[in-house]
Amino acid sequence: MDLEQLMGRYFRLKQELAIAYKAQPWQSGRIDRLADELAATEREIARLQPADEQYSEPMMSVAR
């Protein structure tokens, strides 16, 4: 997959994960699968980006 396809997949997975968390009761198997796919997609995106672009803007904000 190229970067554009991966970004599309990343945003689709984030949306699906948000929907899964809103569902009652939670389907933990689905949530786990989506989270795993999201992490794998993030790693692939990071692998494709040049090193000087990897740290310019985070894809997700981290609350501290």
PDB file of N, CA and C in Angstrom:
ATOM      1  N   MET A   1       0.841  -1.189   0.000  1.00  0.00           N
ATOM      2  CA  MET A   1       0.000   0.000   0.000  1.00  0.00           C
ATOM      3  C   MET A   1       0.877   1.240   0.000  1.00  0.00           C
ATOM      4  N   ASP A   2       0.394   2.266  -0.677  1.00  0.00           N
ATOM      5  CA  ASP A   2       1.120   3.523  -0.635  1.00  0.00           C
ATOM      6  C   ASP A   2       0.620   4.349   0.560  1.00  0.00           C
ATOM      7  N   LEU A   3       1.272   5.472   0.782  1.00  0.00           N
ATOM      8  CA  LEU A   3       0.963   6.298   1.953  1.00  0.00           C
ATOM      9  C   LEU A   3      -0.486   6.791   1.939  1.00  0.00           C
ATOM     10  N   GLU A   4      -0.992   7.173   0.785  1.00  0.00           N
ATOM     11  CA  GLU A   4      -2.367   7.671   0.697  1.00  0.00           C
ATOM     12  C   GLU A   4      -3.369   6.574   1.087  1.00  0.00           C
ATOM     13  N   GLN A   5      -3.151   5.374   0.612  1.00  0.00           N
ATOM     14  CA  GLN A   5      -4.025   4.255   0.961  1.00  0.00           C
ATOM     15  C   GLN A   5      -3.946   3.950   2.455  1.00  0.00           C
ATOM     16  N   LEU A   6      -2.734   3.994   2.997  1.00  0.00           N
ATOM     17  CA  LEU A   6      -2.568   3.727   4.424  1.00  0.00           C
ATOM     18  C   LEU A   6      -3.266   4.784   5.279  1.00  0.00           C
ATOM     19  N   MET A   7      -3.175   6.051   4.861  1.00  0.00           N
ATOM     20  CA  MET A   7      -3.844   7.111   5.611  1.00  0.00           C
ATOM     21  C   MET A   7      -5.355   6.927   5.561  1.00  0.00           C
ATOM     22  N   GLY A   8      -5.882   6.530   4.412  1.00  0.00           N
ATOM     23  CA  GLY A   8      -7.313   6.247   4.310  1.00  0.00           C
ATOM     24  C   GLY A   8      -7.709   5.115   5.244  1.00  0.00           C
ATOM     25  N   ARG A   9      -6.899   4.071   5.269  1.00  0.00           N
ATOM     26  CA  ARG A   9      -7.159   2.944   6.161  1.00  0.00           C
ATOM     27  C   ARG A   9      -7.084   3.383   7.627  1.00  0.00           C
ATOM     28  N   TYR A  10      -6.081   4.210   7.945  1.00  0.00           N
ATOM     29  CA  TYR A  10      -5.901   4.700   9.313  1.00  0.00           C
ATOM     30  C   TYR A  10      -7.157   5.443   9.794  1.00  0.00           C
ATOM     31  N   PHE A  11      -7.658   6.369   8.985  1.00  0.00           N
ATOM     32  CA  PHE A  11      -8.820   7.144   9.398  1.00  0.00           C
ATOM     33  C   PHE A  11     -10.085   6.289   9.452  1.00  0.00           C
ATOM     34  N   ARG A  12     -10.210   5.314   8.553  1.00  0.00           N
ATOM     35  CA  ARG A  12     -11.356   4.402   8.587  1.00  0.00           C
ATOM     36  C   ARG A  12     -11.321   3.556   9.859  1.00  0.00           C
ATOM     37  N   LEU A  13     -10.144   3.055  10.211  1.00  0.00           N
ATOM     38  CA  LEU A  13     -10.024   2.242  11.426  1.00  0.00           C
ATOM     39  C   LEU A  13     -10.313   3.062  12.680  1.00  0.00           C
ATOM     40  N   LYS A  14      -9.824   4.309  12.711  1.00  0.00           N
ATOM     41  CA  LYS A  14     -10.118   5.177  13.861  1.00  0.00           C
ATOM     42  C   LYS A  14     -11.618   5.385  14.010  1.00  0.00           C
ATOM     43  N   GLN A  15     -12.288   5.586  12.892  1.00  0.00           N
ATOM     44  CA  GLN A  15     -13.738   5.799  12.924  1.00  0.00           C
ATOM     45  C   GLN A  15     -14.450   4.529  13.396  1.00  0.00           C
ATOM     46  N   GLU A  16     -14.057   3.389  12.866  1.00  0.00           N
ATOM     47  CA  GLU A  16     -14.664   2.119  13.280  1.00  0.00           C
ATOM     48  C   GLU A  16     -14.418   1.850  14.771  1.00  0.00           C
ATOM     49  N   LEU A  17     -13.227   2.191  15.249  1.00  0.00           N
ATOM     50  CA  LEU A  17     -12.918   1.979  16.666  1.00  0.00           C
ATOM     51  C   LEU A  17     -13.779   2.881  17.545  1.00  0.00           C
ATOM     52  N   ALA A  18     -13.967   4.121  17.138  1.00  0.00           N
ATOM     53  CA  ALA A  18     -14.824   5.035  17.896  1.00  0.00           C
ATOM     54  C   ALA A  18     -16.256   4.511  17.957  1.00  0.00           C
ATOM     55  N   ILE A  19     -16.744   3.997  16.844  1.00  0.00           N
ATOM     56  CA  ILE A  19     -18.093   3.422  16.800  1.00  0.00           C
ATOM     57  C   ILE A  19     -18.179   2.197  17.706  1.00  0.00           C
ATOM     58  N   ALA A  20     -17.157   1.360  17.661  1.00  0.00           N
ATOM     59  CA  ALA A  20     -17.138   0.143  18.495  1.00  0.00           C
ATOM     60  C   ALA A  20     -17.154   0.497  19.981  1.00  0.00           C
ATOM     61  N   TYR A  21     -16.454   1.568  20.371  1.00  0.00           N
ATOM     62  CA  TYR A  21     -16.450   1.970  21.780  1.00  0.00           C
ATOM     63  C   TYR A  21     -17.804   2.532  22.216  1.00  0.00           C
ATOM     64  N   LYS A  22     -18.556   3.101  21.285  1.00  0.00           N
ATOM     65  CA  LYS A  22     -19.870   3.657  21.626  1.00  0.00           C
ATOM     66  C   LYS A  22     -20.945   2.580  21.752  1.00  0.00           C
ATOM     67  N   ALA A  23     -20.719   1.441  21.121  1.00  0.00           N
ATOM     68  CA  ALA A  23     -21.712   0.360  21.137  1.00  0.00           C
ATOM     69  C   ALA A  23     -21.831  -0.238  22.538  1.00  0.00           C
ATOM     70  N   GLN A  24     -23.041  -0.594  22.900  1.00  0.00           N
ATOM     71  CA  GLN A  24     -23.280  -1.232  24.198  1.00  0.00           C
ATOM     72  C   GLN A  24     -23.970  -2.560  23.967  1.00  0.00           C
ATOM     73  N   PRO A  25     -23.554  -3.626  24.506  1.00  0.00           N
ATOM     74  CA  PRO A  25     -22.289  -3.765  25.246  1.00  0.00           C
ATOM     75  C   PRO A  25     -21.110  -3.776  24.284  1.00  0.00           C
ATOM     76  N   TRP A  26     -19.933  -3.464  24.829  1.00  0.00           N
ATOM     77  CA  TRP A  26     -18.721  -3.488  24.017  1.00  0.00           C
ATOM     78  C   TRP A  26     -18.493  -4.874  23.460  1.00  0.00           C
ATOM     79  N   GLN A  27     -18.033  -4.922  22.231  1.00  0.00           N
ATOM     80  CA  GLN A  27     -17.588  -6.178  21.627  1.00  0.00           C
ATOM     81  C   GLN A  27     -16.063  -6.170  21.707  1.00  0.00           C
ATOM     82  N   SER A  28     -15.552  -6.686  22.824  1.00  0.00           N
ATOM     83  CA  SER A  28     -14.119  -6.559  23.091  1.00  0.00           C
ATOM     84  C   SER A  28     -13.262  -7.204  22.014  1.00  0.00           C
ATOM     85  N   GLY A  29     -13.711  -8.292  21.415  1.00  0.00           N
ATOM     86  CA  GLY A  29     -12.947  -8.916  20.343  1.00  0.00           C
ATOM     87  C   GLY A  29     -12.791  -7.990  19.150  1.00  0.00           C
ATOM     88  N   ARG A  30     -13.866  -7.306  18.798  1.00  0.00           N
ATOM     89  CA  ARG A  30     -13.826  -6.347  17.681  1.00  0.00           C
ATOM     90  C   ARG A  30     -12.924  -5.167  18.018  1.00  0.00           C
ATOM     91  N   ILE A  31     -13.043  -4.662  19.232  1.00  0.00           N
ATOM     92  CA  ILE A  31     -12.216  -3.528  19.658  1.00  0.00           C
ATOM     93  C   ILE A  31     -10.745  -3.919  19.625  1.00  0.00           C
ATOM     94  N   ASP A  32     -10.415  -5.087  20.132  1.00  0.00           N
ATOM     95  CA  ASP A  32      -9.023  -5.554  20.113  1.00  0.00           C
ATOM     96  C   ASP A  32      -8.501  -5.690  18.692  1.00  0.00           C
ATOM     97  N   ARG A  33      -9.317  -6.261  17.789  1.00  0.00           N
ATOM     98  CA  ARG A  33      -8.902  -6.442  16.402  1.00  0.00           C
ATOM     99  C   ARG A  33      -8.653  -5.092  15.734  1.00  0.00           C
ATOM    100  N   LEU A  34      -9.571  -4.150  15.942  1.00  0.00           N
ATOM    101  CA  LEU A  34      -9.418  -2.826  15.351  1.00  0.00           C
ATOM    102  C   LEU A  34      -8.182  -2.107  15.899  1.00  0.00           C
ATOM    103  N   ALA A  35      -7.957  -2.210  17.198  1.00  0.00           N
ATOM    104  CA  ALA A  35      -6.791  -1.570  17.812  1.00  0.00           C
ATOM    105  C   ALA A  35      -5.498  -2.169  17.264  1.00  0.00           C
ATOM    106  N   ASP A  36      -5.465  -3.482  17.091  1.00  0.00           N
ATOM    107  CA  ASP A  36      -4.284  -4.135  16.519  1.00  0.00           C
ATOM    108  C   ASP A  36      -4.044  -3.689  15.079  1.00  0.00           C
ATOM    109  N   GLU A  37      -5.106  -3.630  14.286  1.00  0.00           N
ATOM    110  CA  GLU A  37      -4.983  -3.181  12.894  1.00  0.00           C
ATOM    111  C   GLU A  37      -4.546  -1.720  12.831  1.00  0.00           C
ATOM    112  N   LEU A  38      -5.058  -0.910  13.739  1.00  0.00           N
ATOM    113  CA  LEU A  38      -4.687   0.502  13.779  1.00  0.00           C
ATOM    114  C   LEU A  38      -3.206   0.652  14.107  1.00  0.00           C
ATOM    115  N   ALA A  39      -2.720  -0.092  15.081  1.00  0.00           N
ATOM    116  CA  ALA A  39      -1.306  -0.026  15.452  1.00  0.00           C
ATOM    117  C   ALA A  39      -0.414  -0.487  14.299  1.00  0.00           C
ATOM    118  N   ALA A  40      -0.798  -1.547  13.627  1.00  0.00           N
ATOM    119  CA  ALA A  40      -0.015  -2.039  12.492  1.00  0.00           C
ATOM    120  C   ALA A  40       0.005  -1.006  11.365  1.00  0.00           C
ATOM    121  N   THR A  41      -1.114  -0.352  11.145  1.00  0.00           N
ATOM    122  CA  THR A  41      -1.193   0.679  10.108  1.00  0.00           C
ATOM    123  C   THR A  41      -0.320   1.873  10.465  1.00  0.00           C
ATOM    124  N   GLU A  42      -0.328   2.280  11.743  1.00  0.00           N
ATOM    125  CA  GLU A  42       0.528   3.384  12.183  1.00  0.00           C
ATOM    126  C   GLU A  42       1.998   3.045  11.978  1.00  0.00           C
ATOM    127  N   ARG A  43       2.389   1.807  12.277  1.00  0.00           N
ATOM    128  CA  ARG A  43       3.787   1.395  12.076  1.00  0.00           C
ATOM    129  C   ARG A  43       4.160   1.446  10.595  1.00  0.00           C
ATOM    130  N   GLU A  44       3.262   1.015   9.738  1.00  0.00           N
ATOM    131  CA  GLU A  44       3.528   1.026   8.297  1.00  0.00           C
ATOM    132  C   GLU A  44       3.636   2.454   7.777  1.00  0.00           C
ATOM    133  N   ILE A  45       2.781   3.337   8.254  1.00  0.00           N
ATOM    134  CA  ILE A  45       2.852   4.752   7.866  1.00  0.00           C
ATOM    135  C   ILE A  45       4.193   5.335   8.300  1.00  0.00           C
ATOM    136  N   ALA A  46       4.599   5.064   9.519  1.00  0.00           N
ATOM    137  CA  ALA A  46       5.875   5.576  10.030  1.00  0.00           C
ATOM    138  C   ALA A  46       7.038   5.034   9.205  1.00  0.00           C
ATOM    139  N   ARG A  47       6.942   3.784   8.782  1.00  0.00           N
ATOM    140  CA  ARG A  47       8.012   3.172   8.000  1.00  0.00           C
ATOM    141  C   ARG A  47       8.145   3.853   6.630  1.00  0.00           C
ATOM    142  N   LEU A  48       7.034   4.287   6.048  1.00  0.00           N
ATOM    143  CA  LEU A  48       7.050   4.891   4.720  1.00  0.00           C
ATOM    144  C   LEU A  48       7.439   6.365   4.724  1.00  0.00           C
ATOM    145  N   GLN A  49       7.266   7.037   5.846  1.00  0.00           N
ATOM    146  CA  GLN A  49       7.568   8.468   5.899  1.00  0.00           C
ATOM    147  C   GLN A  49       9.069   8.680   6.041  1.00  0.00           C
ATOM    148  N   PRO A  50       9.597   9.688   5.317  1.00  0.00           N
ATOM    149  CA  PRO A  50      11.013  10.023   5.516  1.00  0.00           C
ATOM    150  C   PRO A  50      11.261  10.416   6.973  1.00  0.00           C
ATOM    151  N   ALA A  51      12.448  10.119   7.471  1.00  0.00           N
ATOM    152  CA  ALA A  51      12.770  10.355   8.886  1.00  0.00           C
ATOM    153  C   ALA A  51      12.559  11.795   9.301  1.00  0.00           C
ATOM    154  N   ASP A  52      12.840  12.771   8.424  1.00  0.00           N
ATOM    155  CA  ASP A  52      12.685  14.170   8.811  1.00  0.00           C
ATOM    156  C   ASP A  52      11.227  14.590   8.923  1.00  0.00           C
ATOM    157  N   GLU A  53      10.286  13.799   8.392  1.00  0.00           N
ATOM    158  CA  GLU A  53       8.867  14.121   8.500  1.00  0.00           C
ATOM    159  C   GLU A  53       8.188  13.371   9.632  1.00  0.00           C
ATOM    160  N   GLN A  54       8.830  12.376  10.189  1.00  0.00           N
ATOM    161  CA  GLN A  54       8.182  11.532  11.179  1.00  0.00           C
ATOM    162  C   GLN A  54       7.845  12.281  12.462  1.00  0.00           C
ATOM    163  N   TYR A  55       8.560  13.315  12.786  1.00  0.00           N
ATOM    164  CA  TYR A  55       8.357  13.976  14.069  1.00  0.00           C
ATOM    165  C   TYR A  55       7.805  15.382  13.934  1.00  0.00           C
ATOM    166  N   SER A  56       7.443  15.803  12.717  1.00  0.00           N
ATOM    167  CA  SER A  56       6.968  17.172  12.541  1.00  0.00           C
ATOM    168  C   SER A  56       5.607  17.388  13.190  1.00  0.00           C
ATOM    169  N   GLU A  57       4.662  16.475  12.976  1.00  0.00           N
ATOM    170  CA  GLU A  57       3.340  16.581  13.580  1.00  0.00           C
ATOM    171  C   GLU A  57       2.856  15.194  13.956  1.00  0.00           C
ATOM    172  N   PRO A  58       2.468  15.005  15.196  1.00  0.00           N
ATOM    173  CA  PRO A  58       1.963  13.686  15.575  1.00  0.00           C
ATOM    174  C   PRO A  58       0.615  13.419  14.918  1.00  0.00           C
ATOM    175  N   MET A  59       0.349  12.138  14.563  1.00  0.00           N
ATOM    176  CA  MET A  59      -0.939  11.777  13.978  1.00  0.00           C
ATOM    177  C   MET A  59      -2.039  11.871  15.020  1.00  0.00           C
ATOM    178  N   MET A  60      -1.698  11.602  16.263  1.00  0.00           N
ATOM    179  CA  MET A  60      -2.676  11.636  17.336  1.00  0.00           C
ATOM    180  C   MET A  60      -2.100  12.466  18.470  1.00  0.00           C
ATOM    181  N   SER A  61      -2.929  13.244  19.113  1.00  0.00           N
ATOM    182  CA  SER A  61      -2.449  13.997  20.254  1.00  0.00           C
ATOM    183  C   SER A  61      -2.486  13.093  21.482  1.00  0.00           C
ATOM    184  N   VAL A  62      -1.513  13.277  22.337  1.00  0.00           N
ATOM    185  CA  VAL A  62      -1.423  12.479  23.550  1.00  0.00           C
ATOM    186  C   VAL A  62      -1.694  13.393  24.740  1.00  0.00           C
ATOM    187  N   ALA A  63      -2.694  13.045  25.512  1.00  0.00           N
ATOM    188  CA  ALA A  63      -3.014  13.832  26.711  1.00  0.00           C
ATOM    189  C   ALA A  63      -1.985  13.549  27.787  1.00  0.00           C
ATOM    190  N   ARG A  64      -1.510  14.590  28.404  1.00  0.00           N
ATOM    191  CA  ARG A  64      -0.511  14.417  29.490  1.00  0.00           C
ATOM    192  C   ARG A  64      -0.981  15.096  30.717  1.00  0.00           C
TER     193      ARG A  64
END
